[in-house]
Every structure is written in C-alpha cells, then in structure tokens.
Amino acid sequence: MKIVLQRSRQASVSVDGKIVGQIERGLVALIGIGHEDTEATASALADKTAGLRIFADENGKMNRNVIDAGGDVLAISQFTLLADCRKGRRPAFTDAAPPDRANELYEHYVSELRKTGLSVPCGIFAADMAVSLTNDGPVTIILEL
C-alpha cells in the first residue's frame, strides 16, 4: 500500500464536473493498493495518517497531527501509485490489487480513519476524478509499509 499525503489548505474531488468530496484544512490522501496488502496494512496506515505530526504548533514546529490541527482527510483511490516504470515507456500496473480487493481495503482504510473522529470525505472508487488542492507548505509525504 502506498499513500501520498499532501497537507492542504483546501481540496476537492469532482466526478463529471460535480464535487463529490471536499475539505478545508487537512490532508489529501492518494491511496494505491497492491496485491500484498491486507486489512492490517490498511489499519496501520490509517493510524499513521491520523497520527503523523506534520502540522505546525504555536511555535511553528511540526508537532501536531491532523486531529490536533482540527483538519479533515480527503481520501482518493489512485491505483496509478503502483505504476512500474522501470522498463519501456508505458507504465505497468501488475502490482496493483484487483479492483474488488482494492476497494475493500480502501474502504477499510477510510473506516479506520473515521473511527478516530476524523471527517473523511472521499472520491468515487475507480471513477475518472479531477482533484483540486492548495498544498500547504508545500508538505508532501509518502507512506508505505
């Protein structure tokens, strides 16, 4: 499982020109799920997402997590994070989990985040989505287990 987290001042995801999820301050989580991933992987990465201290405290130091900062998490599935570009010029996606399994683990990740009390609006799994965000910092972190 690979997650790209972007600290954002605002973000939204649209499908067919209609906003399906949006946040003000918080994190945008782009989530790629592989063949080897399990519910344990998704749970561990949800815990890491919620607890990662990448928001500034009163002294400007990154000591606060998204919960402490009063933010939300916009969760978006993105199988292209599993692209293998080592050979040729066309990415291979053989490391990505099959859609049914990937959706189950994506939903599990979102569910685990919501258990922390976070608001977690989402994109639509496997849809053609347009993501808009204002990256804050910029701060972009890659999480993998």
Protein backbone atom coordinates (compact mmCIF):
# COMPACT_ATOMS: atom_id res chain seq x y z
CA MET A 1 0.00 0.00 0.00
CA LYS A 2 1.32 3.40 -0.93
CA ILE A 3 -0.21 6.65 0.25
CA VAL A 4 0.77 10.13 -0.83
CA LEU A 5 -0.29 12.66 1.82
CA GLN A 6 -0.46 16.32 0.98
CA ARG A 7 -1.09 18.87 3.68
CA SER A 8 -3.68 21.21 2.22
CA ARG A 9 -5.40 24.49 2.90
CA GLN A 10 -8.38 23.35 0.84
CA ALA A 11 -9.10 20.47 -1.52
CA SER A 12 -11.90 18.91 -3.53
CA VAL A 13 -12.52 15.99 -5.82
CA SER A 14 -15.04 16.07 -8.68
CA VAL A 15 -16.60 13.47 -10.92
CA ASP A 16 -18.30 14.59 -14.13
CA GLY A 17 -17.92 18.22 -13.05
CA LYS A 18 -19.71 17.68 -9.72
CA ILE A 19 -17.88 17.93 -6.39
CA VAL A 20 -18.19 14.62 -4.54
CA GLY A 21 -15.82 15.39 -1.65
CA GLN A 22 -14.14 18.45 -0.23
CA ILE A 23 -12.24 19.68 2.82
CA GLU A 24 -10.88 22.92 4.16
CA ARG A 25 -7.69 22.45 6.17
CA GLY A 26 -6.30 18.93 6.42
CA LEU A 27 -4.78 16.16 4.36
CA VAL A 28 -5.37 14.81 0.89
CA ALA A 29 -4.61 11.07 0.88
CA LEU A 30 -3.99 9.47 -2.53
CA ILE A 31 -4.18 5.72 -1.92
CA GLY A 32 -2.70 2.93 -4.04
CA ILE A 33 -3.31 -0.67 -3.01
CA GLY A 34 -1.19 -3.64 -4.04
CA HIS A 35 -1.56 -7.42 -4.18
CA GLU A 36 0.26 -7.96 -0.88
CA ASP A 37 -1.82 -5.51 1.13
CA THR A 38 -4.14 -6.62 3.93
CA GLU A 39 -6.58 -5.11 6.41
CA ALA A 40 -3.68 -4.92 8.86
CA THR A 41 -1.74 -2.83 6.34
CA ALA A 42 -4.71 -0.51 5.80
CA SER A 43 -5.27 -0.16 9.57
CA ALA A 44 -1.61 0.61 10.25
CA LEU A 45 -1.50 3.26 7.53
CA ALA A 46 -4.76 4.82 8.74
CA ASP A 47 -3.23 5.07 12.21
CA LYS A 48 -0.06 6.60 10.73
CA THR A 49 -2.13 9.07 8.67
CA ALA A 50 -4.13 10.22 11.68
CA GLY A 51 -1.10 10.47 13.95
CA LEU A 52 1.54 11.91 11.64
CA ARG A 53 2.80 15.17 13.13
CA ILE A 54 3.05 17.46 10.09
CA PHE A 55 1.01 20.47 11.25
CA ALA A 56 2.59 23.43 13.00
CA ASP A 57 2.19 24.07 16.70
CA GLU A 58 2.15 27.53 18.30
CA ASN A 59 5.94 27.74 17.79
CA GLY A 60 5.80 26.88 14.09
CA LYS A 61 7.23 23.37 14.64
CA MET A 62 5.61 20.34 13.00
CA ASN A 63 4.32 18.80 16.24
CA ARG A 64 0.57 18.44 15.61
CA ASN A 65 -1.33 15.75 13.77
CA VAL A 66 -4.42 16.31 11.62
CA ILE A 67 -6.74 15.64 14.56
CA ASP A 68 -4.95 18.15 16.82
CA ALA A 69 -4.98 20.67 13.97
CA GLY A 70 -8.75 20.33 13.54
CA GLY A 71 -8.40 19.11 9.97
CA ASP A 72 -10.08 16.52 7.79
CA VAL A 73 -8.78 13.89 5.37
CA LEU A 74 -9.91 13.76 1.74
CA ALA A 75 -9.37 10.12 0.68
CA ILE A 76 -8.93 9.33 -3.02
CA SER A 77 -8.15 5.93 -4.52
CA GLN A 78 -5.32 6.05 -7.05
CA PHE A 79 -4.08 2.76 -8.46
CA THR A 80 -1.51 4.59 -10.62
CA LEU A 81 0.67 4.96 -7.50
CA LEU A 82 1.56 1.31 -8.08
CA ALA A 83 2.88 2.00 -11.59
CA ASP A 84 6.09 0.21 -12.55
CA CYS A 85 8.03 2.40 -14.97
CA ARG A 86 11.35 0.55 -14.87
CA LYS A 87 11.00 -0.93 -18.35
CA GLY A 88 9.92 0.82 -21.51
CA ARG A 89 7.82 3.96 -21.65
CA ARG A 90 4.41 2.59 -20.77
CA PRO A 91 3.71 2.02 -17.05
CA ALA A 92 2.76 -1.47 -15.94
CA PHE A 93 0.15 -1.83 -13.23
CA THR A 94 0.68 -5.51 -12.42
CA ASP A 95 1.47 -4.67 -8.77
CA ALA A 96 -1.96 -3.09 -8.23
CA ALA A 97 -4.57 -5.19 -6.44
CA PRO A 98 -7.66 -6.30 -8.40
CA PRO A 99 -10.44 -3.69 -8.18
CA ASP A 100 -12.71 -5.64 -5.81
CA ARG A 101 -9.94 -6.27 -3.30
CA ALA A 102 -8.53 -2.75 -3.66
CA ASN A 103 -11.96 -1.24 -2.98
CA GLU A 104 -12.38 -3.39 0.17
CA LEU A 105 -9.03 -2.20 1.54
CA TYR A 106 -9.66 1.41 0.52
CA GLU A 107 -12.98 1.31 2.40
CA HIS A 108 -11.24 -0.30 5.40
CA TYR A 109 -8.63 2.49 5.46
CA VAL A 110 -11.39 5.13 5.36
CA SER A 111 -13.36 3.33 8.08
CA GLU A 112 -10.32 3.18 10.36
CA LEU A 113 -9.69 6.91 9.87
CA ARG A 114 -13.31 7.68 10.72
CA LYS A 115 -13.00 5.71 13.97
CA THR A 116 -10.56 8.39 15.16
CA GLY A 117 -13.31 11.02 14.83
CA LEU A 118 -11.94 12.50 11.61
CA SER A 119 -14.25 13.63 8.86
CA VAL A 120 -13.19 11.69 5.76
CA PRO A 121 -14.94 12.71 2.55
CA CYS A 122 -13.99 10.51 -0.41
CA GLY A 123 -13.67 10.35 -4.13
CA ILE A 124 -15.52 7.63 -6.03
CA PHE A 125 -13.55 4.41 -6.37
CA ALA A 126 -12.44 3.72 -9.98
CA ALA A 127 -14.07 6.89 -11.31
CA ASP A 128 -12.32 9.42 -13.53
CA MET A 129 -11.77 12.15 -10.94
CA ALA A 130 -10.48 15.71 -11.01
CA VAL A 131 -8.60 16.67 -7.84
CA SER A 132 -8.02 20.28 -6.85
CA LEU A 133 -5.96 21.35 -3.87
CA THR A 134 -3.87 24.10 -2.41
CA ASN A 135 -0.83 22.36 -0.96
CA ASP A 136 0.13 23.95 2.37
CA GLY A 137 3.86 24.31 2.82
CA PRO A 138 4.23 22.55 0.46
CA VAL A 139 4.23 19.39 2.56
CA THR A 140 4.01 16.07 0.72
CA ILE A 141 4.77 12.76 2.46
CA ILE A 142 4.83 9.20 1.06
CA LEU A 143 3.68 6.44 3.43
CA GLU A 144 4.40 2.78 2.75
CA LEU A 145 4.56 -0.40 4.82
